[in-house]
């Protein structure tokens, strides 16, 4: 028998405030048509004043636990992927742990920007396979609206806030690609590309900072690297793109999503797309899309799913799993 980290439950949370593209017309020189044509985004959600990343993460966690039919006391570990923590420390994960009433187990954050949830899933998988945890709550949560430069029309219209969560549980499989759970992971980073996507501030510099992005360069790297990491992860699992039921990509930009699917030779009717409703929610976008995809009836038990993401660092990677 082979140990696998299988999805037991999934959930998400979006703040109440919905921000349509038209709202930006009073802030910067832009239009609904301009934003849609370049990104596919129609609207996004912004956190309310005083609403923090840990608040969003906790709500998504509760939804995932309810879907799994278990309590927080049955969780061994919490991993939160975020680039927008409430505080410099402690971690968002420990705040979620406290909010859920957990007094056991352990909790920590992972920071790989938009690729954060893929990195968090790979870490959760390793904890389960090594026997350090039986059930891991994996959360992606962001309040990226707090990092925006509202004078930069190329970035401020792209991002939104939200959270998504999965409960991963140790299960026994046969050691084949038919097993439920995570079948393979593939992670990468290359710090030479820091300057094409970063926030120009931080604790050690004494400044808060705003997001800065060289869109054309990010686009160029994204399509190449996302398709490559997805193929590598499929190869590791002994699978091909023909075996894929759904690509659930990082929801950054519809052009990147379409370009990656084309390079993988997977038609768009096998891609879960939520970018039009959420914008780019960074580390939250994949678990959000998984939860929405399940709620829509797209993702079903037994489906083979490829998730892939790229973010600042650059950091990128993919996970192949059977639902």
C-alpha atoms as a PDB file:
ATOM      1  CA  UNK A   1       0.000   0.000   0.000  1.00  0.00           C
ATOM      2  CA  UNK A   2       1.075   3.566  -0.700  1.00  0.00           C
ATOM      3  CA  UNK A   3       0.282   6.573   1.504  1.00  0.00           C
ATOM      4  CA  UNK A   4      -1.418   9.472  -0.287  1.00  0.00           C
ATOM      5  CA  UNK A   5      -2.566  12.959   0.773  1.00  0.00           C
ATOM      6  CA  UNK A   6      -6.166  13.055  -0.435  1.00  0.00           C
ATOM      7  CA  UNK A   7      -8.653  15.931  -0.455  1.00  0.00           C
ATOM      8  CA  UNK A   8     -11.225  15.421   2.314  1.00  0.00           C
ATOM      9  CA  UNK A   9     -12.908  18.829   2.077  1.00  0.00           C
ATOM     10  CA  UNK A  10     -12.763  22.198   0.330  1.00  0.00           C
ATOM     11  CA  UNK A  11     -14.181  25.653   1.008  1.00  0.00           C
ATOM     12  CA  UNK A  12     -13.739  29.344   0.307  1.00  0.00           C
ATOM     13  CA  UNK A  13     -14.673  32.815   1.445  1.00  0.00           C
ATOM     14  CA  UNK A  14     -14.984  36.091  -0.453  1.00  0.00           C
ATOM     15  CA  UNK A  15     -15.472  39.507   1.194  1.00  0.00           C
ATOM     16  CA  UNK A  16     -18.886  41.113   0.764  1.00  0.00           C
ATOM     17  CA  UNK A  17     -17.690  44.131  -1.202  1.00  0.00           C
ATOM     18  CA  UNK A  18     -17.777  43.492  -4.960  1.00  0.00           C
ATOM     19  CA  UNK A  19     -15.789  45.970  -7.071  1.00  0.00           C
ATOM     20  CA  UNK A  20     -16.753  46.097 -10.760  1.00  0.00           C
ATOM     21  CA  UNK A  21     -14.312  47.366 -13.376  1.00  0.00           C
ATOM     22  CA  UNK A  22     -16.301  50.563 -13.815  1.00  0.00           C
ATOM     23  CA  UNK A  23     -15.381  51.656 -10.295  1.00  0.00           C
ATOM     24  CA  UNK A  24     -11.774  52.183 -11.401  1.00  0.00           C
ATOM     25  CA  UNK A  25     -12.755  54.721 -14.048  1.00  0.00           C
ATOM     26  CA  UNK A  26     -12.905  57.421 -11.359  1.00  0.00           C
ATOM     27  CA  UNK A  27      -9.421  56.520 -10.069  1.00  0.00           C
ATOM     28  CA  UNK A  28      -7.211  55.927 -13.119  1.00  0.00           C
ATOM     29  CA  UNK A  29      -7.433  56.243 -16.895  1.00  0.00           C
ATOM     30  CA  UNK A  30      -9.092  52.941 -17.726  1.00  0.00           C
ATOM     31  CA  UNK A  31     -12.392  51.364 -18.728  1.00  0.00           C
ATOM     32  CA  UNK A  32     -14.328  48.156 -18.314  1.00  0.00           C
ATOM     33  CA  UNK A  33     -13.505  47.208 -21.923  1.00  0.00           C
ATOM     34  CA  UNK A  34      -9.785  47.896 -21.417  1.00  0.00           C
ATOM     35  CA  UNK A  35      -9.589  45.721 -18.306  1.00  0.00           C
ATOM     36  CA  UNK A  36     -11.659  42.855 -19.739  1.00  0.00           C
ATOM     37  CA  UNK A  37      -9.755  42.737 -23.026  1.00  0.00           C
ATOM     38  CA  UNK A  38      -6.349  42.577 -21.330  1.00  0.00           C
ATOM     39  CA  UNK A  39      -7.081  40.399 -18.324  1.00  0.00           C
ATOM     40  CA  UNK A  40     -10.531  38.804 -18.578  1.00  0.00           C
ATOM     41  CA  UNK A  41     -11.414  40.351 -15.209  1.00  0.00           C
ATOM     42  CA  UNK A  42     -14.903  41.785 -14.741  1.00  0.00           C
ATOM     43  CA  UNK A  43     -15.074  42.209 -10.984  1.00  0.00           C
ATOM     44  CA  UNK A  44     -13.225  41.374  -7.789  1.00  0.00           C
ATOM     45  CA  UNK A  45     -13.841  41.418  -4.014  1.00  0.00           C
ATOM     46  CA  UNK A  46     -12.153  43.793  -1.548  1.00  0.00           C
ATOM     47  CA  UNK A  47     -11.900  43.196   2.184  1.00  0.00           C
ATOM     48  CA  UNK A  48     -13.753  45.624   4.424  1.00  0.00           C
ATOM     49  CA  UNK A  49     -11.940  48.102   6.656  1.00  0.00           C
ATOM     50  CA  UNK A  50     -10.569  46.159   9.588  1.00  0.00           C
ATOM     51  CA  UNK A  51     -11.034  42.793   7.843  1.00  0.00           C
ATOM     52  CA  UNK A  52      -7.701  40.958   7.824  1.00  0.00           C
ATOM     53  CA  UNK A  53      -6.144  38.063   5.986  1.00  0.00           C
ATOM     54  CA  UNK A  54      -6.576  35.827   9.040  1.00  0.00           C
ATOM     55  CA  UNK A  55     -10.302  36.686   9.084  1.00  0.00           C
ATOM     56  CA  UNK A  56     -10.681  35.529   5.472  1.00  0.00           C
ATOM     57  CA  UNK A  57      -8.528  32.447   6.085  1.00  0.00           C
ATOM     58  CA  UNK A  58     -10.556  31.421   9.127  1.00  0.00           C
ATOM     59  CA  UNK A  59     -13.857  31.644   7.251  1.00  0.00           C
ATOM     60  CA  UNK A  60     -12.477  29.546   4.380  1.00  0.00           C
ATOM     61  CA  UNK A  61     -11.074  27.045   6.898  1.00  0.00           C
ATOM     62  CA  UNK A  62     -14.459  26.639   8.575  1.00  0.00           C
ATOM     63  CA  UNK A  63     -16.097  26.040   5.196  1.00  0.00           C
ATOM     64  CA  UNK A  64     -13.524  23.355   4.328  1.00  0.00           C
ATOM     65  CA  UNK A  65     -13.915  21.659   7.707  1.00  0.00           C
ATOM     66  CA  UNK A  66     -17.702  21.623   7.283  1.00  0.00           C
ATOM     67  CA  UNK A  67     -17.316  20.113   3.812  1.00  0.00           C
ATOM     68  CA  UNK A  68     -14.966  17.469   5.240  1.00  0.00           C
ATOM     69  CA  UNK A  69     -17.380  16.696   8.086  1.00  0.00           C
ATOM     70  CA  UNK A  70     -14.697  17.043  10.752  1.00  0.00           C
ATOM     71  CA  UNK A  71     -13.801  19.460  13.542  1.00  0.00           C
ATOM     72  CA  UNK A  72     -10.706  21.578  14.029  1.00  0.00           C
ATOM     73  CA  UNK A  73      -9.650  19.240  16.851  1.00  0.00           C
ATOM     74  CA  UNK A  74      -9.071  16.537  14.231  1.00  0.00           C
ATOM     75  CA  UNK A  75      -6.517  18.663  12.332  1.00  0.00           C
ATOM     76  CA  UNK A  76      -2.823  18.078  13.000  1.00  0.00           C
ATOM     77  CA  UNK A  77      -1.370  21.048  11.150  1.00  0.00           C
ATOM     78  CA  UNK A  78      -2.351  24.294   9.424  1.00  0.00           C
ATOM     79  CA  UNK A  79      -0.366  25.801   6.560  1.00  0.00           C
ATOM     80  CA  UNK A  80      -1.361  29.237   5.274  1.00  0.00           C
ATOM     81  CA  UNK A  81       0.020  30.534   1.993  1.00  0.00           C
ATOM     82  CA  UNK A  82      -0.014  34.334   2.005  1.00  0.00           C
ATOM     83  CA  UNK A  83       2.015  37.397   1.108  1.00  0.00           C
ATOM     84  CA  UNK A  84      -0.276  39.738   3.044  1.00  0.00           C
ATOM     85  CA  UNK A  85      -0.113  38.657   6.707  1.00  0.00           C
ATOM     86  CA  UNK A  86      -1.937  40.604   9.412  1.00  0.00           C
ATOM     87  CA  UNK A  87       1.311  41.229  11.288  1.00  0.00           C
ATOM     88  CA  UNK A  88       5.021  40.733  10.700  1.00  0.00           C
ATOM     89  CA  UNK A  89       4.636  37.934  13.247  1.00  0.00           C
ATOM     90  CA  UNK A  90       3.090  35.720  14.506  1.00  0.00           C
ATOM     91  CA  UNK A  91       1.975  33.784  11.452  1.00  0.00           C
ATOM     92  CA  UNK A  92      -1.517  33.950  10.006  1.00  0.00           C
ATOM     93  CA  UNK A  93      -1.677  30.184  10.483  1.00  0.00           C
ATOM     94  CA  UNK A  94      -1.357  30.472  14.269  1.00  0.00           C
ATOM     95  CA  UNK A  95      -4.078  33.132  14.276  1.00  0.00           C
ATOM     96  CA  UNK A  96      -6.351  30.755  12.373  1.00  0.00           C
ATOM     97  CA  UNK A  97      -5.405  27.992  14.801  1.00  0.00           C
ATOM     98  CA  UNK A  98      -6.532  30.139  17.723  1.00  0.00           C
ATOM     99  CA  UNK A  99      -9.712  31.298  15.963  1.00  0.00           C
ATOM    100  CA  UNK A 100     -10.681  27.673  15.308  1.00  0.00           C
ATOM    101  CA  UNK A 101     -10.114  26.761  18.954  1.00  0.00           C
ATOM    102  CA  UNK A 102      -7.218  24.410  18.222  1.00  0.00           C
ATOM    103  CA  UNK A 103      -4.879  23.907  21.170  1.00  0.00           C
ATOM    104  CA  UNK A 104      -2.840  21.085  19.639  1.00  0.00           C
ATOM    105  CA  UNK A 105      -0.905  20.496  16.468  1.00  0.00           C
ATOM    106  CA  UNK A 106       1.221  23.121  14.748  1.00  0.00           C
ATOM    107  CA  UNK A 107       0.781  25.953  12.264  1.00  0.00           C
ATOM    108  CA  UNK A 108       2.994  28.008   9.973  1.00  0.00           C
ATOM    109  CA  UNK A 109       2.904  30.264   6.910  1.00  0.00           C
ATOM    110  CA  UNK A 110       4.429  29.787   3.458  1.00  0.00           C
ATOM    111  CA  UNK A 111       5.381  32.786   1.323  1.00  0.00           C
ATOM    112  CA  UNK A 112       5.777  32.162  -2.402  1.00  0.00           C
ATOM    113  CA  UNK A 113       3.374  34.897  -3.577  1.00  0.00           C
ATOM    114  CA  UNK A 114       0.992  33.632  -6.295  1.00  0.00           C
ATOM    115  CA  UNK A 115       2.653  30.195  -6.238  1.00  0.00           C
ATOM    116  CA  UNK A 116       2.157  29.980  -2.485  1.00  0.00           C
ATOM    117  CA  UNK A 117      -0.700  27.503  -2.469  1.00  0.00           C
ATOM    118  CA  UNK A 118       1.180  25.061  -4.697  1.00  0.00           C
ATOM    119  CA  UNK A 119       4.168  25.287  -2.329  1.00  0.00           C
ATOM    120  CA  UNK A 120       1.841  24.846   0.672  1.00  0.00           C
ATOM    121  CA  UNK A 121       0.251  21.736  -0.850  1.00  0.00           C
ATOM    122  CA  UNK A 122       3.687  20.258  -1.528  1.00  0.00           C
ATOM    123  CA  UNK A 123       4.665  20.901   2.108  1.00  0.00           C
ATOM    124  CA  UNK A 124       1.421  19.388   3.382  1.00  0.00           C
ATOM    125  CA  UNK A 125       1.975  16.352   1.174  1.00  0.00           C
ATOM    126  CA  UNK A 126       5.469  15.899   2.593  1.00  0.00           C
ATOM    127  CA  UNK A 127       4.188  16.148   6.182  1.00  0.00           C
ATOM    128  CA  UNK A 128       1.581  13.468   5.504  1.00  0.00           C
ATOM    129  CA  UNK A 129       3.915  11.126   3.618  1.00  0.00           C
ATOM    130  CA  UNK A 130       6.555  11.421   6.360  1.00  0.00           C
ATOM    131  CA  UNK A 131       4.013  10.572   9.054  1.00  0.00           C
ATOM    132  CA  UNK A 132       4.259  13.921  10.849  1.00  0.00           C
ATOM    133  CA  UNK A 133       0.579  14.668  10.231  1.00  0.00           C
ATOM    134  CA  UNK A 134      -2.572  12.770   9.304  1.00  0.00           C
ATOM    135  CA  UNK A 135      -4.785  15.733   8.415  1.00  0.00           C
ATOM    136  CA  UNK A 136      -3.506  19.120   7.241  1.00  0.00           C
ATOM    137  CA  UNK A 137      -5.599  22.223   6.661  1.00  0.00           C
ATOM    138  CA  UNK A 138      -4.039  24.058   3.705  1.00  0.00           C
ATOM    139  CA  UNK A 139      -5.200  27.639   3.157  1.00  0.00           C
ATOM    140  CA  UNK A 140      -4.469  30.356   0.612  1.00  0.00           C
ATOM    141  CA  UNK A 141      -5.566  33.802   1.814  1.00  0.00           C
ATOM    142  CA  UNK A 142      -4.771  37.321   0.640  1.00  0.00           C
ATOM    143  CA  UNK A 143      -5.744  40.964   1.063  1.00  0.00           C
ATOM    144  CA  UNK A 144      -3.812  42.226  -1.962  1.00  0.00           C
ATOM    145  CA  UNK A 145      -5.966  45.354  -2.163  1.00  0.00           C
ATOM    146  CA  UNK A 146      -3.770  46.663   0.687  1.00  0.00           C
ATOM    147  CA  UNK A 147      -0.667  46.521  -1.553  1.00  0.00           C
ATOM    148  CA  UNK A 148      -2.004  48.424  -4.548  1.00  0.00           C
ATOM    149  CA  UNK A 149      -0.608  51.641  -6.010  1.00  0.00           C
ATOM    150  CA  UNK A 150      -3.889  53.311  -6.973  1.00  0.00           C
ATOM    151  CA  UNK A 151      -2.105  55.469  -9.558  1.00  0.00           C
ATOM    152  CA  UNK A 152      -0.780  52.473 -11.501  1.00  0.00           C
ATOM    153  CA  UNK A 153      -3.551  51.428 -13.873  1.00  0.00           C
ATOM    154  CA  UNK A 154      -1.545  48.427 -15.062  1.00  0.00           C
ATOM    155  CA  UNK A 155      -1.674  46.701 -11.662  1.00  0.00           C
ATOM    156  CA  UNK A 156      -4.385  48.163  -9.411  1.00  0.00           C
ATOM    157  CA  UNK A 157      -7.206  46.777 -11.579  1.00  0.00           C
ATOM    158  CA  UNK A 158      -5.898  43.199 -11.512  1.00  0.00           C
ATOM    159  CA  UNK A 159      -5.993  42.071  -7.904  1.00  0.00           C
ATOM    160  CA  UNK A 160      -8.639  41.071  -5.390  1.00  0.00           C
ATOM    161  CA  UNK A 161      -9.039  39.609  -1.912  1.00  0.00           C
ATOM    162  CA  UNK A 162     -10.264  36.194  -0.815  1.00  0.00           C
ATOM    163  CA  UNK A 163      -9.401  32.838   0.691  1.00  0.00           C
ATOM    164  CA  UNK A 164      -9.729  29.151  -0.110  1.00  0.00           C
ATOM    165  CA  UNK A 165      -8.903  26.028   1.870  1.00  0.00           C
ATOM    166  CA  UNK A 166      -8.438  22.272   1.507  1.00  0.00           C
ATOM    167  CA  UNK A 167      -8.362  19.521   4.092  1.00  0.00           C
ATOM    168  CA  UNK A 168      -5.765  16.948   3.061  1.00  0.00           C
ATOM    169  CA  UNK A 169      -5.948  13.560   4.768  1.00  0.00           C
ATOM    170  CA  UNK A 170      -3.668  10.528   4.782  1.00  0.00           C
ATOM    171  CA  UNK A 171      -5.243   7.664   2.830  1.00  0.00           C
ATOM    172  CA  UNK A 172      -3.963   4.360   1.507  1.00  0.00           C
ATOM    173  CA  UNK A 173      -3.615   3.793  -2.221  1.00  0.00           C
ATOM    174  CA  UNK A 174      -2.293   1.116  -4.528  1.00  0.00           C
ATOM    175  CA  UNK A 175       0.686   3.167  -5.660  1.00  0.00           C
ATOM    176  CA  UNK A 176      -0.753   3.835  -9.109  1.00  0.00           C
ATOM    177  CA  UNK A 177      -1.982   6.951 -10.885  1.00  0.00           C
ATOM    178  CA  UNK A 178      -5.527   5.766 -10.179  1.00  0.00           C
ATOM    179  CA  UNK A 179      -5.077   6.546  -6.480  1.00  0.00           C
ATOM    180  CA  UNK A 180      -6.992   9.436  -4.944  1.00  0.00           C
ATOM    181  CA  UNK A 181      -4.814  12.239  -3.623  1.00  0.00           C
ATOM    182  CA  UNK A 182      -1.631  14.055  -4.588  1.00  0.00           C
ATOM    183  CA  UNK A 183       0.254  12.040  -7.209  1.00  0.00           C
ATOM    184  CA  UNK A 184       3.190  14.387  -7.836  1.00  0.00           C
ATOM    185  CA  UNK A 185       4.568  17.861  -7.160  1.00  0.00           C
ATOM    186  CA  UNK A 186       7.077  20.061  -8.967  1.00  0.00           C
ATOM    187  CA  UNK A 187       8.525  23.262  -7.459  1.00  0.00           C
ATOM    188  CA  UNK A 188      10.954  25.885  -8.769  1.00  0.00           C
ATOM    189  CA  UNK A 189      12.296  29.360  -8.048  1.00  0.00           C
ATOM    190  CA  UNK A 190      14.808  31.717  -9.621  1.00  0.00           C
ATOM    191  CA  UNK A 191      15.710  34.833  -7.660  1.00  0.00           C
ATOM    192  CA  UNK A 192      17.365  36.491 -10.652  1.00  0.00           C
ATOM    193  CA  UNK A 193      13.927  37.664 -11.777  1.00  0.00           C
ATOM    194  CA  UNK A 194      13.026  39.536  -8.589  1.00  0.00           C
ATOM    195  CA  UNK A 195      12.726  42.899 -10.324  1.00  0.00           C
ATOM    196  CA  UNK A 196       9.860  41.954 -12.654  1.00  0.00           C
ATOM    197  CA  UNK A 197       7.374  41.347  -9.825  1.00  0.00           C
ATOM    198  CA  UNK A 198       7.868  42.603  -6.265  1.00  0.00           C
ATOM    199  CA  UNK A 199       6.644  44.924  -3.518  1.00  0.00           C
ATOM    200  CA  UNK A 200       8.962  47.888  -3.026  1.00  0.00           C
ATOM    201  CA  UNK A 201       8.985  47.830   0.763  1.00  0.00           C
ATOM    202  CA  UNK A 202       9.219  45.583   3.798  1.00  0.00           C
ATOM    203  CA  UNK A 203      10.044  45.344   7.486  1.00  0.00           C
ATOM    204  CA  UNK A 204      13.837  45.564   7.185  1.00  0.00           C
ATOM    205  CA  UNK A 205      13.615  48.567   4.831  1.00  0.00           C
ATOM    206  CA  UNK A 206      11.251  50.417   7.140  1.00  0.00           C
ATOM    207  CA  UNK A 207       8.638  50.994   4.444  1.00  0.00           C
ATOM    208  CA  UNK A 208       5.292  49.448   3.549  1.00  0.00           C
ATOM    209  CA  UNK A 209       5.562  49.479  -0.245  1.00  0.00           C
ATOM    210  CA  UNK A 210       3.321  48.757  -3.198  1.00  0.00           C
ATOM    211  CA  UNK A 211       3.213  46.063  -5.836  1.00  0.00           C
ATOM    212  CA  UNK A 212       5.424  46.665  -8.884  1.00  0.00           C
ATOM    213  CA  UNK A 213       5.132  44.499 -12.003  1.00  0.00           C
ATOM    214  CA  UNK A 214       6.667  44.348 -15.464  1.00  0.00           C
ATOM    215  CA  UNK A 215       3.609  42.818 -17.088  1.00  0.00           C
ATOM    216  CA  UNK A 216       5.107  41.799 -20.418  1.00  0.00           C
ATOM    217  CA  UNK A 217       8.048  40.052 -18.782  1.00  0.00           C
ATOM    218  CA  UNK A 218       5.833  38.234 -16.289  1.00  0.00           C
ATOM    219  CA  UNK A 219       3.557  37.123 -19.137  1.00  0.00           C
ATOM    220  CA  UNK A 220       6.505  35.769 -21.134  1.00  0.00           C
ATOM    221  CA  UNK A 221       7.888  33.752 -18.235  1.00  0.00           C
ATOM    222  CA  UNK A 222       4.458  32.572 -17.068  1.00  0.00           C
ATOM    223  CA  UNK A 223       3.330  30.695 -20.162  1.00  0.00           C
ATOM    224  CA  UNK A 224       6.671  28.977 -20.693  1.00  0.00           C
ATOM    225  CA  UNK A 225       7.275  28.020 -17.067  1.00  0.00           C
ATOM    226  CA  UNK A 226       3.708  26.996 -16.229  1.00  0.00           C
ATOM    227  CA  UNK A 227       3.401  24.626 -19.181  1.00  0.00           C
ATOM    228  CA  UNK A 228       6.835  23.167 -18.439  1.00  0.00           C
ATOM    229  CA  UNK A 229       6.168  22.524 -14.735  1.00  0.00           C
ATOM    230  CA  UNK A 230       2.768  20.987 -15.505  1.00  0.00           C
ATOM    231  CA  UNK A 231       4.324  18.592 -18.024  1.00  0.00           C
ATOM    232  CA  UNK A 232       7.061  17.692 -15.531  1.00  0.00           C
ATOM    233  CA  UNK A 233       4.558  16.928 -12.773  1.00  0.00           C
ATOM    234  CA  UNK A 234       2.482  14.793 -15.155  1.00  0.00           C
ATOM    235  CA  UNK A 235       5.615  12.912 -16.233  1.00  0.00           C
ATOM    236  CA  UNK A 236       6.469  12.206 -12.594  1.00  0.00           C
ATOM    237  CA  UNK A 237       3.023  10.674 -12.149  1.00  0.00           C
ATOM    238  CA  UNK A 238       3.279   8.655 -15.366  1.00  0.00           C
ATOM    239  CA  UNK A 239       0.488  10.656 -16.981  1.00  0.00           C
ATOM    240  CA  UNK A 240      -0.030  12.847 -20.056  1.00  0.00           C
ATOM    241  CA  UNK A 241      -2.201  15.900 -20.813  1.00  0.00           C
ATOM    242  CA  UNK A 242      -4.738  13.528 -22.394  1.00  0.00           C
ATOM    243  CA  UNK A 243      -5.354  12.076 -18.912  1.00  0.00           C
ATOM    244  CA  UNK A 244      -6.218  15.477 -17.417  1.00  0.00           C
ATOM    245  CA  UNK A 245      -9.860  16.152 -16.562  1.00  0.00           C
ATOM    246  CA  UNK A 246      -9.280  19.685 -15.298  1.00  0.00           C
ATOM    247  CA  UNK A 247      -6.520  22.249 -15.224  1.00  0.00           C
ATOM    248  CA  UNK A 248      -7.120  24.499 -12.220  1.00  0.00           C
ATOM    249  CA  UNK A 249      -4.573  27.257 -12.796  1.00  0.00           C
ATOM    250  CA  UNK A 250      -3.575  30.319 -10.852  1.00  0.00           C
ATOM    251  CA  UNK A 251      -6.169  32.872 -11.912  1.00  0.00           C
ATOM    252  CA  UNK A 252      -3.920  35.779 -12.901  1.00  0.00           C
ATOM    253  CA  UNK A 253      -4.944  36.667 -16.418  1.00  0.00           C
ATOM    254  CA  UNK A 254      -7.154  34.945 -18.995  1.00  0.00           C
ATOM    255  CA  UNK A 255      -4.444  35.316 -21.653  1.00  0.00           C
ATOM    256  CA  UNK A 256      -1.944  33.432 -19.488  1.00  0.00           C
ATOM    257  CA  UNK A 257      -4.543  30.761 -18.717  1.00  0.00           C
ATOM    258  CA  UNK A 258      -5.380  30.327 -22.408  1.00  0.00           C
ATOM    259  CA  UNK A 259      -1.730  30.387 -23.476  1.00  0.00           C
ATOM    260  CA  UNK A 260      -0.731  27.739 -20.944  1.00  0.00           C
ATOM    261  CA  UNK A 261      -3.653  25.469 -21.876  1.00  0.00           C
ATOM    262  CA  UNK A 262      -2.722  25.798 -25.550  1.00  0.00           C
ATOM    263  CA  UNK A 263       0.892  24.821 -24.883  1.00  0.00           C
ATOM    264  CA  UNK A 264      -0.329  21.840 -22.884  1.00  0.00           C
ATOM    265  CA  UNK A 265      -2.755  20.938 -25.709  1.00  0.00           C
ATOM    266  CA  UNK A 266      -5.682  20.914 -23.281  1.00  0.00           C
ATOM    267  CA  UNK A 267      -8.895  22.596 -24.531  1.00  0.00           C
ATOM    268  CA  UNK A 268     -10.346  25.478 -22.539  1.00  0.00           C
ATOM    269  CA  UNK A 269     -13.500  23.494 -21.756  1.00  0.00           C
ATOM    270  CA  UNK A 270     -11.275  21.437 -19.430  1.00  0.00           C
ATOM    271  CA  UNK A 271      -9.957  24.505 -17.577  1.00  0.00           C
ATOM    272  CA  UNK A 272     -11.636  25.915 -14.470  1.00  0.00           C
ATOM    273  CA  UNK A 273     -11.773  29.700 -14.908  1.00  0.00           C
ATOM    274  CA  UNK A 274     -12.813  32.111 -12.146  1.00  0.00           C
ATOM    275  CA  UNK A 275     -10.613  35.132 -12.931  1.00  0.00           C
ATOM    276  CA  UNK A 276     -13.594  37.063 -14.307  1.00  0.00           C
ATOM    277  CA  UNK A 277     -15.254  37.086 -10.872  1.00  0.00           C
ATOM    278  CA  UNK A 278     -12.306  37.236  -8.475  1.00  0.00           C
ATOM    279  CA  UNK A 279      -9.401  38.904 -10.275  1.00  0.00           C
ATOM    280  CA  UNK A 280      -5.943  37.793  -9.207  1.00  0.00           C
ATOM    281  CA  UNK A 281      -6.168  36.704  -5.569  1.00  0.00           C
ATOM    282  CA  UNK A 282      -2.553  35.492  -5.500  1.00  0.00           C
ATOM    283  CA  UNK A 283      -2.118  32.457  -3.207  1.00  0.00           C
ATOM    284  CA  UNK A 284      -5.893  32.233  -2.713  1.00  0.00           C
ATOM    285  CA  UNK A 285      -6.748  31.797  -6.394  1.00  0.00           C
ATOM    286  CA  UNK A 286      -6.192  28.034  -6.788  1.00  0.00           C
ATOM    287  CA  UNK A 287      -8.120  26.928  -3.682  1.00  0.00           C
ATOM    288  CA  UNK A 288     -10.848  29.434  -4.566  1.00  0.00           C
ATOM    289  CA  UNK A 289     -11.079  27.938  -8.045  1.00  0.00           C
ATOM    290  CA  UNK A 290     -11.091  24.376  -6.678  1.00  0.00           C
ATOM    291  CA  UNK A 291     -13.927  25.221  -4.299  1.00  0.00           C
ATOM    292  CA  UNK A 292     -15.945  27.072  -6.936  1.00  0.00           C
ATOM    293  CA  UNK A 293     -15.265  24.314  -9.477  1.00  0.00           C
ATOM    294  CA  UNK A 294     -16.658  21.725  -7.084  1.00  0.00           C
ATOM    295  CA  UNK A 295     -19.682  23.910  -6.274  1.00  0.00           C
ATOM    296  CA  UNK A 296     -20.404  24.360  -9.999  1.00  0.00           C
ATOM    297  CA  UNK A 297     -20.387  20.586 -10.474  1.00  0.00           C
ATOM    298  CA  UNK A 298     -17.295  20.694 -12.688  1.00  0.00           C
ATOM    299  CA  UNK A 299     -14.907  18.853 -10.351  1.00  0.00           C
ATOM    300  CA  UNK A 300     -16.091  15.376  -9.380  1.00  0.00           C
ATOM    301  CA  UNK A 301     -14.621  12.458  -7.415  1.00  0.00           C
ATOM    302  CA  UNK A 302     -12.005  10.617  -9.449  1.00  0.00           C
ATOM    303  CA  UNK A 303     -11.156  13.586 -11.673  1.00  0.00           C
ATOM    304  CA  UNK A 304      -7.476  14.130 -12.470  1.00  0.00           C
ATOM    305  CA  UNK A 305      -6.500  17.728 -11.753  1.00  0.00           C
ATOM    306  CA  UNK A 306      -3.395  19.753 -12.543  1.00  0.00           C
ATOM    307  CA  UNK A 307      -2.837  22.963 -10.592  1.00  0.00           C
ATOM    308  CA  UNK A 308      -0.044  25.330 -11.594  1.00  0.00           C
ATOM    309  CA  UNK A 309       1.025  28.822 -10.537  1.00  0.00           C
ATOM    310  CA  UNK A 310       3.792  31.387 -10.862  1.00  0.00           C
ATOM    311  CA  UNK A 311       4.495  34.387  -8.668  1.00  0.00           C
ATOM    312  CA  UNK A 312       7.123  36.817  -7.471  1.00  0.00           C
ATOM    313  CA  UNK A 313      10.541  35.393  -6.814  1.00  0.00           C
ATOM    314  CA  UNK A 314      10.130  34.146  -9.413  1.00  0.00           C
ATOM    315  CA  UNK A 315       8.579  31.065  -7.834  1.00  0.00           C
ATOM    316  CA  UNK A 316       6.511  28.525  -9.734  1.00  0.00           C
ATOM    317  CA  UNK A 317       5.310  24.962  -9.597  1.00  0.00           C
ATOM    318  CA  UNK A 318       2.509  22.467 -10.044  1.00  0.00           C
ATOM    319  CA  UNK A 319       0.645  19.669  -8.313  1.00  0.00           C
ATOM    320  CA  UNK A 320      -1.088  16.689  -9.912  1.00  0.00           C
ATOM    321  CA  UNK A 321      -3.864  15.168  -7.836  1.00  0.00           C
ATOM    322  CA  UNK A 322      -6.858  12.903  -8.211  1.00  0.00           C
ATOM    323  CA  UNK A 323      -9.966  14.318  -6.553  1.00  0.00           C
END
